[in-house]
Amino acid sequence: MVWGNHRLAPADRSVILVDSETGVEVDPVVVDRRTGRRIDTEDVVFARGPKASKMDVARYPQIVARR
């Protein structure tokens, strides 16, 4: 919901996410559960998965995990 709302003018949003005690709108972030790193950065990208279609293979890179 918040992701979709960022495309709208504040006056055009029908639902917003707020702190129930203060009523202040919150700005949530999404993080990787394993590392705690935010995923809304340029370091996090889409990559093709094991069952990628031909279209996915053409569109997304294959990224090999580095350990």
Protein backbone atom coordinates (compact mmCIF):
# COMPACT_ATOMS: atom_id res chain seq x y z
CA MET A 1 0.00 0.00 0.00
CA VAL A 2 2.72 2.47 0.93
CA TRP A 3 4.62 1.62 -2.25
CA GLY A 4 1.54 2.42 -4.34
CA ASN A 5 0.80 5.61 -2.39
CA HIS A 6 4.20 7.11 -3.16
CA ARG A 7 2.98 7.65 -6.71
CA LEU A 8 0.01 9.73 -5.56
CA ALA A 9 -0.33 13.27 -4.32
CA PRO A 10 -1.00 13.27 -0.55
CA ALA A 11 -4.56 14.49 -1.13
CA ASP A 12 -5.27 11.56 -3.49
CA ARG A 13 -4.44 8.73 -1.05
CA SER A 14 -7.47 6.86 0.31
CA VAL A 15 -5.59 4.89 3.01
CA ILE A 16 -2.36 5.71 4.84
CA LEU A 17 -0.25 3.90 7.43
CA VAL A 18 0.01 5.69 10.80
CA ASP A 19 1.27 5.10 14.32
CA SER A 20 -1.86 4.21 16.36
CA GLU A 21 -0.68 6.18 19.41
CA THR A 22 0.40 9.42 17.73
CA GLY A 23 -1.55 9.41 14.48
CA VAL A 24 1.66 10.38 12.68
CA GLU A 25 2.15 8.81 9.27
CA VAL A 26 4.94 6.23 9.24
CA ASP A 27 7.50 5.61 6.50
CA PRO A 28 8.16 1.84 6.53
CA VAL A 29 11.20 0.17 5.05
CA VAL A 30 11.65 -3.41 3.89
CA VAL A 31 14.76 -5.28 4.94
CA ASP A 32 16.36 -8.61 4.16
CA ARG A 33 15.56 -10.97 7.03
CA ARG A 34 19.00 -12.63 6.92
CA THR A 35 21.16 -9.51 6.90
CA GLY A 36 18.90 -6.72 8.13
CA ARG A 37 19.93 -4.63 5.10
CA ARG A 38 17.36 -2.40 3.39
CA ILE A 39 16.26 -3.73 0.02
CA ASP A 40 15.29 -0.37 -1.51
CA THR A 41 18.83 0.38 -2.63
CA GLU A 42 20.66 0.07 -5.93
CA ASP A 43 22.50 -2.96 -4.51
CA VAL A 44 19.33 -5.09 -4.60
CA VAL A 45 18.19 -6.08 -8.09
CA PHE A 46 15.92 -8.59 -9.78
CA ALA A 47 17.67 -11.65 -11.17
CA ARG A 48 16.34 -14.70 -12.96
CA GLY A 49 15.50 -17.71 -10.86
CA PRO A 50 15.86 -21.44 -11.50
CA LYS A 51 12.53 -21.68 -13.36
CA ALA A 52 13.00 -18.53 -15.43
CA SER A 53 11.12 -18.42 -18.73
CA LYS A 54 12.86 -17.45 -21.97
CA MET A 55 11.50 -13.94 -21.49
CA ASP A 56 12.91 -13.77 -17.95
CA VAL A 57 16.29 -15.04 -19.16
CA ALA A 58 16.37 -12.28 -21.77
CA ARG A 59 15.30 -9.61 -19.28
CA TYR A 60 17.15 -10.45 -16.07
CA PRO A 61 20.80 -11.30 -15.45
CA GLN A 62 21.97 -14.47 -13.80
CA ILE A 63 23.72 -13.43 -10.63
CA VAL A 64 25.88 -16.00 -8.87
CA ALA A 65 26.08 -15.68 -5.10
CA ARG A 66 29.47 -14.69 -3.70
CA ARG A 67 30.34 -15.99 -0.29
